[in-house]
Structure formats: structure tokens, C-alpha cells
Protein backbone atom coordinates (compact mmCIF):
# COMPACT_ATOMS: atom_id res chain seq x y z
CA MET A 1 -12.63 65.32 25.59
CA SER A 2 -10.11 68.10 26.33
CA ASN A 3 -6.44 67.10 26.70
CA SER A 4 -7.27 63.62 25.46
CA GLU A 5 -5.08 61.60 23.12
CA ARG A 6 -5.32 58.48 21.01
CA LEU A 7 -5.02 55.27 22.98
CA ALA A 8 -2.29 53.99 20.63
CA LYS A 9 -0.16 57.08 21.24
CA ARG A 10 -0.62 56.85 25.00
CA LEU A 11 0.25 53.15 25.08
CA ALA A 12 3.31 53.62 22.89
CA THR A 13 4.60 56.28 25.28
CA GLU A 14 3.93 54.29 28.45
CA GLN A 15 5.24 50.98 27.11
CA SER A 16 8.14 52.46 25.14
CA CYS A 17 7.03 50.65 22.01
CA SER A 18 6.32 51.74 18.45
CA ARG A 19 2.93 53.14 17.49
CA GLY A 20 2.44 50.15 15.22
CA ASP A 21 3.06 47.67 18.02
CA ALA A 22 0.74 49.65 20.27
CA GLU A 23 -2.03 49.34 17.67
CA ARG A 24 -1.44 45.58 17.42
CA TYR A 25 -1.72 45.19 21.19
CA ILE A 26 -4.96 47.18 21.18
CA GLU A 27 -6.55 45.40 18.22
CA GLY A 28 -5.51 42.09 19.76
CA GLY A 29 -7.67 42.80 22.81
CA TRP A 30 -4.73 43.14 25.19
CA VAL A 31 -5.28 46.73 26.40
CA ALA A 32 -7.62 48.00 29.10
CA VAL A 33 -8.70 51.56 29.90
CA ASP A 34 -9.83 51.91 33.51
CA GLY A 35 -10.06 48.12 33.63
CA LYS A 36 -12.22 47.72 30.51
CA VAL A 37 -10.82 46.20 27.31
CA VAL A 38 -10.75 48.63 24.38
CA GLU A 39 -9.93 47.39 20.88
CA GLU A 40 -9.89 50.70 18.98
CA PRO A 41 -6.45 52.35 18.58
CA GLY A 42 -8.16 55.69 17.98
CA PHE A 43 -10.09 55.59 21.25
CA ARG A 44 -9.56 58.87 23.13
CA VAL A 45 -8.21 58.70 26.68
CA ALA A 46 -7.91 61.47 29.27
CA PRO A 47 -4.76 61.99 31.34
CA ALA A 48 -6.50 60.71 34.47
CA GLN A 49 -7.55 57.42 32.88
CA ALA A 50 -5.47 54.31 33.57
CA VAL A 51 -4.14 52.40 30.56
CA SER A 52 -2.72 48.92 31.07
CA LEU A 53 -1.60 45.82 29.22
CA LEU A 54 -3.41 42.66 30.26
CA PRO A 55 -1.46 39.72 31.68
CA GLY A 56 -0.07 37.54 28.91
CA ALA A 57 -0.20 40.36 26.37
CA ARG A 58 1.71 39.51 23.21
CA LEU A 59 2.11 40.76 19.70
CA GLU A 60 0.47 38.37 17.29
CA ASP A 61 -1.01 38.35 13.84
CA ILE A 62 -4.79 38.25 13.91
CA ARG A 63 -5.88 35.33 11.76
CA PRO A 64 -9.06 35.59 9.69
CA VAL A 65 -11.83 33.39 11.06
CA THR A 66 -14.58 31.11 9.83
CA VAL A 67 -17.58 30.63 12.10
CA LEU A 68 -20.07 27.73 12.11
CA ILE A 69 -23.50 28.47 13.59
CA HIS A 70 -26.55 26.34 14.37
CA LYS A 71 -29.21 28.69 13.02
CA PRO A 72 -32.64 28.45 14.64
CA ALA A 73 -35.70 28.14 12.39
CA GLY A 74 -37.29 31.53 11.79
CA THR A 75 -33.97 33.41 11.81
CA TYR A 76 -32.63 34.99 8.65
CA ALA A 77 -29.26 33.85 7.36
CA ASP A 78 -27.68 36.99 5.90
CA ASP A 79 -25.28 39.78 6.82
CA GLN A 80 -27.87 42.17 8.26
CA PRO A 81 -28.79 43.01 11.88
CA GLY A 82 -31.32 40.53 13.23
CA SER A 83 -29.81 37.60 11.34
CA ALA A 84 -27.97 34.50 12.55
CA ARG A 85 -24.83 36.67 12.62
CA ASP A 86 -26.19 38.29 15.80
CA LEU A 87 -25.75 34.94 17.58
CA ILE A 88 -21.95 35.31 17.43
CA LEU A 89 -21.61 36.38 21.05
CA PRO A 90 -19.20 35.08 23.72
CA GLU A 91 -22.03 33.54 25.71
CA ASN A 92 -23.14 31.47 22.69
CA LEU A 93 -19.73 29.97 21.95
CA MET A 94 -19.88 26.17 22.03
CA PRO A 95 -18.44 24.86 25.32
CA GLY A 96 -15.10 23.19 24.77
CA ASP A 97 -14.24 25.14 21.60
CA ARG A 98 -10.64 24.09 20.79
CA SER A 99 -9.69 26.74 18.25
CA GLY A 100 -7.60 28.92 20.56
CA GLN A 101 -9.17 31.97 18.89
CA ARG A 102 -9.95 34.96 21.08
CA TYR A 103 -13.24 36.82 20.66
CA LEU A 104 -12.32 40.17 19.09
CA LYS A 105 -14.29 42.88 17.33
CA ARG A 106 -11.96 42.49 14.34
CA MET A 107 -13.53 39.11 13.56
CA PHE A 108 -16.60 40.94 12.23
CA ASN A 109 -14.64 42.97 9.67
CA GLY A 110 -15.65 41.58 6.30
CA LEU A 111 -17.37 38.57 7.87
CA LYS A 112 -19.78 37.26 5.22
CA LEU A 113 -22.37 34.52 4.98
CA VAL A 114 -21.30 31.94 2.39
CA THR A 115 -23.98 29.26 2.89
CA PRO A 116 -27.50 30.69 2.48
CA LEU A 117 -30.34 28.83 4.20
CA GLU A 118 -34.08 29.35 4.12
CA ARG A 119 -35.47 31.44 6.98
CA ALA A 120 -37.87 28.63 7.94
CA ALA A 121 -35.05 26.07 8.05
CA SER A 122 -32.66 25.39 10.90
CA GLY A 123 -29.15 24.01 10.94
CA LEU A 124 -25.60 24.73 9.90
CA VAL A 125 -24.60 28.05 8.35
CA VAL A 126 -21.11 29.42 7.76
CA TYR A 127 -19.75 32.96 8.00
CA THR A 128 -16.15 33.63 6.97
CA GLN A 129 -13.39 36.20 6.54
CA GLU A 130 -11.24 33.65 4.70
CA TYR A 131 -11.07 33.91 0.92
CA PRO A 132 -10.22 30.20 0.37
CA VAL A 133 -13.31 29.19 2.36
CA ALA A 134 -15.52 31.64 0.48
CA ARG A 135 -14.17 30.40 -2.86
CA LYS A 136 -14.79 26.77 -1.88
CA LEU A 137 -18.37 27.33 -0.70
CA VAL A 138 -19.49 29.95 -3.22
CA GLU A 139 -17.49 29.75 -6.45
CA GLU A 140 -17.04 25.98 -6.18
CA GLY A 141 -20.22 25.33 -4.20
CA ARG A 142 -21.72 23.16 -6.93
CA HIS A 143 -19.14 20.52 -6.00
CA VAL A 144 -19.78 20.60 -2.23
CA GLU A 145 -22.23 18.04 -0.88
CA GLN A 146 -24.67 19.11 1.82
CA GLU A 147 -26.85 16.93 4.01
CA TYR A 148 -30.39 17.75 5.17
CA ILE A 149 -33.15 16.14 7.16
CA ALA A 150 -36.67 16.99 6.00
CA GLN A 151 -39.71 16.31 8.17
CA VAL A 152 -42.60 15.55 5.83
CA ASP A 153 -46.21 14.45 5.67
CA GLY A 154 -47.00 11.84 3.05
CA GLN A 155 -45.67 8.64 1.52
CA LEU A 156 -43.44 7.73 -1.41
CA SER A 157 -43.57 4.67 -3.59
CA GLU A 158 -40.31 2.97 -4.51
CA GLY A 159 -40.71 4.41 -7.98
CA ASP A 160 -41.15 7.95 -6.65
CA LEU A 161 -38.08 7.56 -4.43
CA ALA A 162 -36.01 6.36 -7.37
CA ARG A 163 -37.25 9.33 -9.44
CA LEU A 164 -36.13 11.75 -6.74
CA GLN A 165 -32.72 10.12 -6.59
CA ARG A 166 -32.22 10.85 -10.27
CA GLY A 167 -32.59 14.56 -9.46
CA MET A 168 -34.91 17.30 -10.68
CA ALA A 169 -34.33 20.43 -12.74
CA TYR A 170 -35.01 23.66 -10.85
CA GLU A 171 -34.88 27.34 -11.82
CA GLY A 172 -32.63 26.77 -14.80
CA ARG A 173 -30.37 24.26 -13.05
CA ALA A 174 -30.04 20.88 -14.70
CA ALA A 175 -31.10 17.79 -12.78
CA THR A 176 -28.26 16.09 -10.93
CA PRO A 177 -28.43 12.84 -8.97
CA MET A 178 -28.91 13.08 -5.20
CA LYS A 179 -29.14 10.65 -2.34
CA VAL A 180 -32.62 10.44 -0.84
CA SER A 181 -33.62 7.92 1.81
CA TRP A 182 -36.07 7.51 4.65
CA GLN A 183 -34.52 8.08 8.06
CA ASN A 184 -37.82 7.01 9.68
CA GLU A 185 -41.52 7.21 8.80
CA THR A 186 -41.64 11.02 8.82
CA HIS A 187 -38.10 12.14 8.03
CA LEU A 188 -36.28 12.05 4.69
CA ARG A 189 -32.51 12.42 4.42
CA PHE A 190 -31.16 14.38 1.44
CA ALA A 191 -27.50 14.48 0.41
CA LEU A 192 -26.90 16.70 -2.63
CA LYS A 193 -24.55 19.29 -4.09
CA THR A 194 -25.35 22.81 -2.74
CA PRO A 195 -29.06 23.12 -3.56
CA ALA A 196 -30.72 26.39 -4.49
CA LEU A 197 -32.93 27.95 -1.84
CA GLY A 198 -36.37 26.38 -2.00
CA PHE A 199 -35.22 23.33 -3.95
CA ILE A 200 -35.93 20.70 -1.30
CA GLU A 201 -39.42 22.08 -0.69
CA TYR A 202 -39.99 22.02 -4.45
CA VAL A 203 -38.86 18.38 -4.59
CA CYS A 204 -41.19 17.44 -1.75
CA ASP A 205 -44.15 19.23 -3.32
CA SER A 206 -43.47 17.56 -6.67
CA ALA A 207 -43.56 14.17 -4.95
CA GLY A 208 -46.82 14.89 -3.13
CA LEU A 209 -45.14 15.44 0.25
CA ARG A 210 -45.70 18.39 2.56
CA LEU A 211 -42.48 19.78 4.02
CA LYS A 212 -42.99 20.56 7.71
CA ALA A 213 -39.41 21.31 8.79
CA LEU A 214 -35.95 21.34 7.27
CA ARG A 215 -32.56 21.09 8.98
CA ARG A 216 -29.08 21.20 7.44
CA LEU A 217 -26.71 18.76 9.16
CA ARG A 218 -23.52 18.97 7.14
CA ILE A 219 -21.67 21.14 4.63
CA GLY A 220 -18.93 19.27 2.80
CA ARG A 221 -16.95 17.35 5.41
CA LEU A 222 -17.98 19.51 8.37
CA PRO A 223 -21.02 18.36 10.38
CA MET A 224 -23.06 20.36 12.85
CA ALA A 225 -22.21 17.83 15.58
CA GLY A 226 -21.84 19.39 19.02
CA LEU A 227 -23.64 22.63 18.20
CA THR A 228 -26.99 23.09 19.89
CA ILE A 229 -29.51 25.60 18.55
CA GLY A 230 -28.12 29.13 18.70
CA GLN A 231 -24.53 28.05 19.42
CA TRP A 232 -21.47 28.73 17.26
CA ARG A 233 -17.82 27.74 17.05
CA TYR A 234 -14.69 28.62 15.12
CA ARG A 235 -13.52 26.40 12.27
CA LEU A 236 -10.40 24.59 13.45
CA GLU A 237 -7.26 25.18 11.43
CA TYR A 238 -7.08 21.60 10.15
CA GLU A 239 -10.77 21.35 9.17
CA ARG A 240 -11.65 21.43 5.48
CA PHE A 241 -15.00 21.66 3.78
């Protein structure tokens, strides 16, 4: 684009502000080019294009985010295109989200999945930019209780149920106690410390049950409550896993 210049330079000139402040306005989603929001300070603008600050524009530090998603069954939970991460769109934000966070492209910088979930399973998954959250759910994940509902075919004797509650060794992990109870005739509730992928299906198979569906309801102290399938929300500042 001949005679073009960086958006940050143009904004700094027009608003009589520093280049650094101009970049913060742009990355904060407060700048429009020809009426369309642009979040890249290096975006090239032509002399004839109109550059404006949006109403309410302010300089602010962009906080790292943590996102909770209700992953549909059949969707991968990873950091690749086509995964549950693709659901993080403005139209899928849970109605009534109270975080005060604005949807910005910067929220995807370094956003990583920290709570793997089987592709066939549905339920709560967490993506984060926050190191303390990642440390809690990955490095200290063995201490974080998760809750699942498993739809199964088959029956358990009281003895089998008690055996499951004592825990089972799996892929080199020692057996640890877990809470297992019938929610109704076809659904078992599991509450256990961050299980390995495939563990609950292994437990069901070992007990003579056929796992038909699996859904994660809670990670630590944060439930999936309020999120319908495919929806997401920001973690609120006071919420802790």
C-alpha cells in the first residue's frame, strides 16, 4: 500500500499521544479504521482512511484470561484448529457473563488447554493464559478433585461399588480412593483427583459396566453450572479452582 503508515504511528500523530499509548489503545480494541475495529498496531493505513478512537476509549492493562468451556462430545480438547478452542467466539459467550472482560484477539496469545478431556466425553474444559491457574491444574493437578457423570449399562453389587471406591491402579499410577455413587439406575457419579485420560472407562470395564457417555461437571471448586453445550465464559477474578 503506497504512502501507507503503521496504525500506531498514525494514531499517535492524530491523538497527540506517545507511540506506546497508541499501541495500548489499539491492542485494547479501542481503535477503528474506516469504522472497523483493528487490534494490530502494525496494521497499514492509507492517508484517505479514517482512524478513530471508540467512545469510552481508555488506557488499561490487558489482564491474562482463563476461559471455561462446555465441550461437546466428539470435539477434541487441545490447542489445535478444530478443537474446543474454536468455540471461543463472541456469539458463544454465556449470556450474563459478569467478568467485565472484553473480547480481544490478545486473549488467544499463549492460551493453553490445562484440563484434557477425552474426545468422546463432554463437559467442562479450561484454557488459560494465567500461570497460577496452569500451575494449579497441571503441576498440582493430582490434588484437584474433579466430578463426572458416567452413563453406563450394567449393574454393580455393593461389594463391587466398595471396591471401586477404594480406587484402582492405572498406567503406573497408584490406586487412590474416589467417591463413586449411583445418581440413578443408569448414571454413576465419580469424584476423584484429576484422572488420567481413559481411566473412568477402564474402571467401568473392570467392573463389567459399559460406558455409554461421560460428562465432566466440575474441576476443583468451579462447576459447569450455567454453561450450555458449546458455550464459554471467563473465570471471574475471585473464583479459585
